[in-house]
Amino acid sequence: MKYLLPNFSHIYIEKDVKDMPLTRIALRRFWKAKIVWIDHYKDIFNRLGQDFQLQKSSMKIILAKKREPFLYGASEMIQDYDNPNTFYNTPVINCLYNCDYCYLQGMYDSGNMVIFVNENDFFDAIEKKILNLEDSSKPMILSVSYNTDLLALENILPLVRRWIHFACKKNGKLIIEVRTKSGLFSSIDDIEPNDNVILSWTLSPQIICDKYESSAPPLKSRLEAIKNAIDKGWCVRICFDPILLIDDWYEIYCEFFDSIFMEIDSKKIKDFTMGVFRMNKDYFKKIKRREPRSEIFYADYQVDNNYISIDKDKREDALSRLKIKLEKKIQNKKILIWK
């Protein structure tokens, strides 16, 4: 699409955030971009008649102020790790990547990216919640990359760095998880590791990366980032999620697991999560109605508790077989299954 403007050629900025520190960083970073001042991000982001996929080919940034709520309770799509104090937040809406199976293309009409720059309001909300947790004997667990890949943006704005610095001050009362497909660990490798932070990488076989995650870094880059993070002493989680049951899936994933553990010492990984493809029913229908790019949306699925996934028996069989394979390399207690 040679007639499309490059990514971030325009930055839309709410007038209320023009003096925020992150806004100033963005303006220095994108000094050539055309600046458009707006009253509210929804005036741009929620416009009618947008084309998500077209906009993903020419993304724009919207800098905005997040209004309450700043925290959301763990949904059926968020693992709670047997901790009632599990939450997620949305410092960024939309992702730099555009994986075929991603629910964001059904959640939003716009492919542009909203970055909320009033970070102190997020931090204040967390401080208050820590004082009023359901189970005060356990820390608060917070996913900060639920609607985005925060680490992928680190060379644009230092968001992960700022979240790490905040979490490090909580003395075990807060654990943040930064989930990513990025290879940009180098952007934070000067920070001292801290037990309050989990860096979680999603890994897929290269054939999956090539076909369904083509806009994200290849497997090799993610593995290199993981190895560097481990060497620096960070707490690392590996996510085999989503497992896609493509042709010859069992052989492909078995070979994939073997190759992973030839490069990474499983004893140095906090845990491993695994789950099959699943998506909110309404998001799925919306994507399919828009003529999706991928055959993923034409496979046989069933509706289970308002979510689309493969047949329960197939799902449980696949996860059971793959878990048995993983148990040859990993302690059972370190394998977390998302069913």
Protein backbone atom coordinates (compact mmCIF):
# COMPACT_ATOMS: atom_id res chain seq x y z
CA MET A 1 0.00 0.00 0.00
CA LYS A 2 2.43 2.59 -1.25
CA TYR A 3 0.00 5.50 -0.84
CA LEU A 4 -0.36 5.07 2.92
CA LEU A 5 1.50 7.39 5.26
CA PRO A 6 4.14 5.83 7.53
CA ASN A 7 3.31 4.79 11.06
CA PHE A 8 3.09 7.65 13.54
CA SER A 9 3.11 10.37 10.87
CA HIS A 10 0.40 12.05 12.94
CA ILE A 11 0.06 12.37 16.70
CA TYR A 12 -3.29 13.36 18.16
CA ILE A 13 -2.97 14.93 21.61
CA GLU A 14 -5.69 15.81 24.09
CA LYS A 15 -5.29 19.41 25.14
CA ASP A 16 -5.46 18.41 28.81
CA VAL A 17 -2.24 16.36 28.57
CA LYS A 18 -0.03 18.72 26.60
CA ASP A 19 2.26 19.33 29.60
CA MET A 20 2.50 15.73 30.83
CA PRO A 21 6.07 14.33 30.98
CA LEU A 22 5.25 11.45 28.62
CA THR A 23 3.71 13.89 26.15
CA ARG A 24 6.90 15.91 26.09
CA ILE A 25 8.95 12.75 25.51
CA ALA A 26 6.67 11.77 22.62
CA LEU A 27 6.95 15.21 21.03
CA ARG A 28 10.74 15.01 21.16
CA ARG A 29 10.70 11.46 19.80
CA PHE A 30 8.38 12.30 16.89
CA TRP A 31 9.47 15.83 16.16
CA LYS A 32 8.64 15.42 12.46
CA ALA A 33 5.08 14.21 13.08
CA LYS A 34 2.07 16.39 12.40
CA ILE A 35 0.49 17.34 15.74
CA VAL A 36 -3.29 17.53 15.95
CA TRP A 37 -4.82 18.90 19.17
CA ILE A 38 -8.10 17.29 20.24
CA ASP A 39 -10.57 17.54 23.13
CA HIS A 40 -11.06 13.83 23.80
CA TYR A 41 -9.42 10.73 22.37
CA LYS A 42 -12.78 9.12 21.62
CA ASP A 43 -13.46 11.85 19.06
CA ILE A 44 -10.77 10.15 16.95
CA PHE A 45 -10.63 6.60 18.24
CA ASN A 46 -14.38 5.94 18.27
CA ARG A 47 -15.28 7.52 14.94
CA LEU A 48 -17.68 5.60 12.73
CA GLY A 49 -16.62 3.96 9.50
CA GLN A 50 -13.04 3.06 10.45
CA ASP A 51 -11.12 0.16 8.93
CA PHE A 52 -9.05 -1.60 11.60
CA GLN A 53 -6.76 -3.46 9.22
CA LEU A 54 -6.17 -0.48 6.96
CA GLN A 55 -5.25 1.67 9.94
CA LYS A 56 -2.86 -1.00 11.20
CA SER A 57 -0.90 -0.39 7.99
CA SER A 58 -0.56 3.29 8.88
CA MET A 59 -0.94 3.62 12.63
CA LYS A 60 -1.33 6.93 14.40
CA ILE A 61 -0.69 7.68 18.07
CA ILE A 62 -3.28 9.31 20.30
CA LEU A 63 -1.99 10.71 23.61
CA ALA A 64 -4.79 10.96 26.15
CA LYS A 65 -5.86 11.14 29.76
CA LYS A 66 -7.38 7.98 31.21
CA ARG A 67 -10.47 8.46 33.30
CA GLU A 68 -11.70 6.00 35.91
CA PRO A 69 -11.69 3.08 36.24
CA PHE A 70 -7.95 2.52 36.32
CA LEU A 71 -8.18 -1.12 37.42
CA TYR A 72 -10.27 -4.04 36.22
CA GLY A 73 -10.84 -7.34 37.98
CA ALA A 74 -9.50 -10.50 36.36
CA SER A 75 -11.84 -11.63 33.61
CA GLU A 76 -12.36 -15.15 32.30
CA MET A 77 -9.56 -14.40 29.84
CA ILE A 78 -7.08 -13.38 32.56
CA GLN A 79 -5.42 -16.05 34.66
CA ASP A 80 -5.79 -15.28 38.36
CA TYR A 81 -3.09 -17.72 39.56
CA ASP A 82 -5.35 -18.63 42.52
CA ASN A 83 -5.05 -15.10 43.84
CA PRO A 84 -8.25 -13.02 44.28
CA ASN A 85 -6.12 -9.87 44.17
CA THR A 86 -5.52 -10.19 40.41
CA PHE A 87 -6.25 -7.21 38.15
CA TYR A 88 -5.38 -5.75 34.79
CA ASN A 89 -5.19 -2.21 33.51
CA THR A 90 -4.94 -0.42 30.18
CA PRO A 91 -2.09 2.10 30.01
CA VAL A 92 -2.21 1.57 26.24
CA ILE A 93 -5.04 0.60 23.90
CA ASN A 94 -4.06 -1.44 20.84
CA CYS A 95 -0.80 -3.10 19.92
CA LEU A 96 2.18 -2.40 17.72
CA TYR A 97 1.82 -5.93 16.37
CA ASN A 98 -1.15 -7.38 14.51
CA CYS A 99 -1.35 -11.13 15.08
CA ASP A 100 -4.05 -12.96 13.14
CA TYR A 101 -5.68 -14.44 16.24
CA CYS A 102 -5.67 -11.24 18.33
CA TYR A 103 -8.99 -10.23 19.88
CA LEU A 104 -8.16 -6.51 19.63
CA GLN A 105 -9.34 -6.44 16.02
CA GLY A 106 -12.79 -7.40 17.30
CA MET A 107 -12.69 -5.27 20.43
CA TYR A 108 -11.97 -1.96 18.68
CA ASP A 109 -13.01 -0.37 15.40
CA SER A 110 -9.80 1.64 15.21
CA GLY A 111 -6.35 0.26 14.52
CA ASN A 112 -4.71 3.38 15.92
CA MET A 113 -2.97 3.36 19.28
CA VAL A 114 -4.05 5.26 22.40
CA ILE A 115 -1.39 5.90 25.04
CA PHE A 116 -2.64 7.22 28.37
CA VAL A 117 0.02 9.56 29.68
CA ASN A 118 -1.43 10.35 33.14
CA GLU A 119 0.57 7.55 34.71
CA ASN A 120 0.39 8.97 38.23
CA ASP A 121 -3.38 8.47 38.24
CA PHE A 122 -2.80 4.79 37.49
CA PHE A 123 -0.24 4.59 40.29
CA ASP A 124 -2.54 6.34 42.78
CA ALA A 125 -5.37 3.91 42.03
CA ILE A 126 -3.04 0.98 42.71
CA GLU A 127 -1.82 2.50 45.97
CA LYS A 128 -5.43 2.78 47.17
CA LYS A 129 -6.32 -0.74 46.08
CA ILE A 130 -3.34 -2.26 47.86
CA LEU A 131 -4.84 -0.95 51.11
CA ASN A 132 -8.14 -2.71 50.41
CA LEU A 133 -7.38 -6.12 48.90
CA GLU A 134 -9.74 -9.06 49.19
CA ASP A 135 -6.94 -11.19 50.65
CA SER A 136 -4.45 -9.00 52.47
CA SER A 137 -2.10 -11.95 53.00
CA LYS A 138 -1.34 -12.06 49.26
CA PRO A 139 0.17 -9.43 46.96
CA MET A 140 -1.77 -7.62 44.29
CA ILE A 141 -1.04 -9.06 40.83
CA LEU A 142 -1.41 -6.65 37.94
CA SER A 143 -1.22 -7.35 34.22
CA VAL A 144 -0.04 -4.15 32.54
CA SER A 145 0.07 -5.50 28.98
CA TYR A 146 -3.48 -6.78 28.58
CA ASN A 147 -4.56 -4.64 25.60
CA THR A 148 -1.13 -4.09 24.12
CA ASP A 149 2.49 -5.22 24.07
CA LEU A 150 4.06 -2.66 26.37
CA LEU A 151 7.67 -3.72 25.90
CA ALA A 152 7.32 -3.42 22.12
CA LEU A 153 6.71 0.31 22.64
CA GLU A 154 9.71 0.90 24.88
CA ASN A 155 11.75 2.63 22.17
CA ILE A 156 8.78 4.94 21.58
CA LEU A 157 7.94 5.77 25.20
CA PRO A 158 9.65 4.33 28.33
CA LEU A 159 6.46 2.87 29.78
CA VAL A 160 7.81 -0.46 31.05
CA ARG A 161 10.72 1.30 32.71
CA ARG A 162 8.35 3.56 34.62
CA TRP A 163 6.10 0.71 35.66
CA ILE A 164 9.09 -1.27 36.91
CA HIS A 165 10.34 1.66 38.97
CA PHE A 166 6.88 2.02 40.51
CA ALA A 167 6.53 -1.69 41.30
CA CYS A 168 9.99 -1.88 42.85
CA LYS A 169 8.86 0.46 45.64
CA LYS A 170 5.99 -1.78 46.77
CA ASN A 171 8.04 -4.21 48.89
CA GLY A 172 6.25 -7.34 47.77
CA LYS A 173 2.75 -5.86 47.98
CA LEU A 174 2.48 -5.59 44.20
CA ILE A 175 3.60 -7.91 41.41
CA ILE A 176 3.29 -6.67 37.85
CA GLU A 177 3.36 -8.92 34.81
CA VAL A 178 4.64 -7.53 31.51
CA ARG A 179 3.57 -9.92 28.78
CA THR A 180 5.28 -9.54 25.43
CA LYS A 181 6.43 -10.94 22.12
CA SER A 182 9.09 -8.26 21.87
CA GLY A 183 12.82 -8.74 21.49
CA LEU A 184 13.45 -5.36 23.12
CA PHE A 185 14.75 -6.53 26.48
CA SER A 186 17.81 -4.43 25.64
CA SER A 187 15.69 -1.31 26.26
CA ILE A 188 15.43 -2.16 29.97
CA ASP A 189 18.53 -4.29 30.56
CA ASP A 190 20.19 -1.53 32.58
CA ILE A 191 17.52 -1.83 35.29
CA GLU A 192 18.25 -3.98 38.32
CA PRO A 193 15.94 -7.03 38.40
CA ASN A 194 13.24 -7.05 41.04
CA ASP A 195 11.00 -9.82 42.39
CA ASN A 196 7.99 -7.52 42.04
CA VAL A 197 8.18 -7.82 38.25
CA ILE A 198 7.50 -10.82 36.00
CA LEU A 199 8.59 -10.60 32.38
CA SER A 200 6.38 -12.99 30.40
CA TRP A 201 7.19 -13.99 26.84
CA THR A 202 4.72 -15.61 24.47
CA LEU A 203 6.47 -18.23 22.34
CA SER A 204 5.14 -20.11 19.32
CA PRO A 205 6.68 -22.53 16.83
CA GLN A 206 8.35 -20.69 13.96
CA ILE A 207 5.71 -21.96 11.52
CA ILE A 208 3.07 -20.22 13.69
CA CYS A 209 5.20 -17.08 13.96
CA ASP A 210 5.56 -16.94 10.18
CA LYS A 211 1.91 -17.51 9.37
CA TYR A 212 -0.06 -15.94 12.21
CA GLU A 213 2.36 -13.60 14.00
CA SER A 214 4.21 -12.15 11.03
CA SER A 215 4.20 -8.59 12.39
CA ALA A 216 5.85 -9.68 15.65
CA PRO A 217 9.53 -10.57 16.16
CA PRO A 218 10.58 -14.09 15.13
CA LEU A 219 11.06 -16.85 17.66
CA LYS A 220 14.84 -16.40 17.61
CA SER A 221 14.58 -12.78 18.76
CA ARG A 222 12.24 -13.64 21.60
CA LEU A 223 14.48 -16.47 22.78
CA GLU A 224 17.48 -14.18 22.77
CA ALA A 225 15.57 -11.65 24.86
CA ILE A 226 14.55 -14.37 27.32
CA LYS A 227 18.11 -15.63 27.69
CA ASN A 228 19.38 -12.12 28.31
CA ALA A 229 16.67 -11.47 30.90
CA ILE A 230 17.50 -14.71 32.70
CA ASP A 231 21.21 -13.89 32.67
CA LYS A 232 20.42 -10.52 34.25
CA GLY A 233 18.45 -12.23 37.03
CA TRP A 234 14.88 -11.34 36.04
CA CYS A 235 11.87 -13.46 36.94
CA VAL A 236 10.68 -14.89 33.60
CA ARG A 237 7.47 -16.66 32.65
CA ILE A 238 7.01 -18.44 29.31
CA CYS A 239 3.56 -18.59 27.72
CA PHE A 240 2.69 -21.21 25.12
CA ASP A 241 -0.55 -19.46 24.33
CA PRO A 242 -2.46 -19.77 22.11
CA ILE A 243 -1.78 -23.33 21.09
CA LEU A 244 -3.10 -23.56 17.52
CA LEU A 245 -4.23 -27.00 16.38
CA ILE A 246 -2.98 -26.75 12.81
CA ASP A 247 -2.11 -29.77 10.64
CA ASP A 248 0.47 -31.96 12.40
CA TRP A 249 0.15 -29.77 15.49
CA TYR A 250 1.36 -32.42 17.94
CA GLU A 251 4.60 -33.14 16.09
CA ILE A 252 5.18 -29.42 15.51
CA TYR A 253 4.76 -28.51 19.18
CA CYS A 254 6.81 -31.47 20.42
CA GLU A 255 9.73 -30.44 18.21
CA PHE A 256 9.20 -26.84 19.29
CA PHE A 257 9.35 -27.73 23.00
CA ASP A 258 12.52 -29.76 22.44
CA SER A 259 14.17 -26.85 20.65
CA ILE A 260 13.19 -24.40 23.41
CA PHE A 261 14.76 -26.49 26.15
CA MET A 262 17.94 -26.92 24.18
CA GLU A 263 18.41 -23.16 24.55
CA ILE A 264 16.76 -22.35 27.87
CA ASP A 265 17.26 -23.96 31.27
CA SER A 266 13.72 -24.68 32.50
CA LYS A 267 14.91 -24.47 36.11
CA LYS A 268 15.52 -20.75 35.62
CA ILE A 269 11.95 -20.07 34.45
CA LYS A 270 9.30 -19.18 37.04
CA ASP A 271 6.54 -21.15 35.32
CA PHE A 272 4.99 -22.04 31.99
CA THR A 273 1.42 -21.29 30.95
CA MET A 274 -0.42 -23.04 28.16
CA GLY A 275 -3.82 -22.57 26.54
CA VAL A 276 -5.58 -23.06 23.22
CA PHE A 277 -7.11 -20.38 21.00
CA ARG A 278 -10.14 -18.72 22.62
CA MET A 279 -11.95 -15.44 22.14
CA ASN A 280 -14.98 -13.51 23.31
CA LYS A 281 -17.92 -14.59 21.13
CA ASP A 282 -18.88 -11.06 20.10
CA TYR A 283 -15.32 -10.11 19.14
CA PHE A 284 -15.03 -13.29 17.10
CA LYS A 285 -18.25 -12.60 15.19
CA LYS A 286 -17.21 -9.01 14.53
CA ILE A 287 -13.86 -10.07 13.07
CA LYS A 288 -15.42 -12.78 10.93
CA ARG A 289 -18.01 -10.34 9.61
CA ARG A 290 -15.21 -8.02 8.46
CA GLU A 291 -13.71 -10.67 6.18
CA PRO A 292 -10.78 -11.80 8.32
CA ARG A 293 -7.35 -12.34 6.85
CA SER A 294 -6.91 -15.74 8.43
CA GLU A 295 -8.51 -19.17 8.12
CA ILE A 296 -8.42 -19.30 11.94
CA PHE A 297 -11.88 -17.76 11.92
CA TYR A 298 -13.34 -20.50 9.72
CA ALA A 299 -12.39 -23.50 11.84
CA ASP A 300 -14.92 -25.48 13.88
CA TYR A 301 -15.53 -23.98 17.31
CA GLN A 302 -18.03 -24.17 20.09
CA VAL A 303 -19.41 -21.49 22.39
CA ASP A 304 -18.54 -22.07 26.02
CA ASN A 305 -19.63 -19.50 28.60
CA ASN A 306 -19.73 -16.70 26.00
CA TYR A 307 -16.32 -17.61 24.60
CA ILE A 308 -15.37 -19.26 21.33
CA SER A 309 -12.90 -22.13 21.47
CA ILE A 310 -12.33 -25.55 20.01
CA ASP A 311 -14.44 -28.49 21.13
CA LYS A 312 -13.94 -29.20 24.84
CA ASP A 313 -12.87 -32.82 24.33
CA LYS A 314 -10.31 -31.83 21.67
CA ARG A 315 -9.11 -28.98 23.82
CA GLU A 316 -8.59 -31.10 26.90
CA ASP A 317 -6.98 -33.90 24.90
CA ALA A 318 -4.52 -31.53 23.22
CA LEU A 319 -3.55 -29.81 26.45
CA SER A 320 -3.19 -33.14 28.25
CA ARG A 321 -0.90 -34.58 25.57
CA LEU A 322 1.24 -31.46 25.45
CA LYS A 323 1.43 -31.29 29.23
CA ILE A 324 2.74 -34.87 29.32
CA LYS A 325 5.40 -33.81 26.83
CA LEU A 326 6.34 -30.77 28.92
CA GLU A 327 6.53 -32.80 32.12
CA LYS A 328 9.58 -34.57 30.70
CA LYS A 329 11.42 -31.25 31.00
CA ILE A 330 9.49 -29.28 33.63
CA GLN A 331 8.21 -29.91 37.14
CA ASN A 332 4.45 -30.45 37.09
CA LYS A 333 3.82 -27.61 39.55
CA LYS A 334 5.40 -25.14 37.12
CA ILE A 335 2.93 -25.93 34.31
CA LEU A 336 -0.20 -23.78 34.43
CA ILE A 337 -2.99 -24.86 32.09
CA TRP A 338 -5.55 -22.37 30.83
CA LYS A 339 -8.62 -24.48 29.95
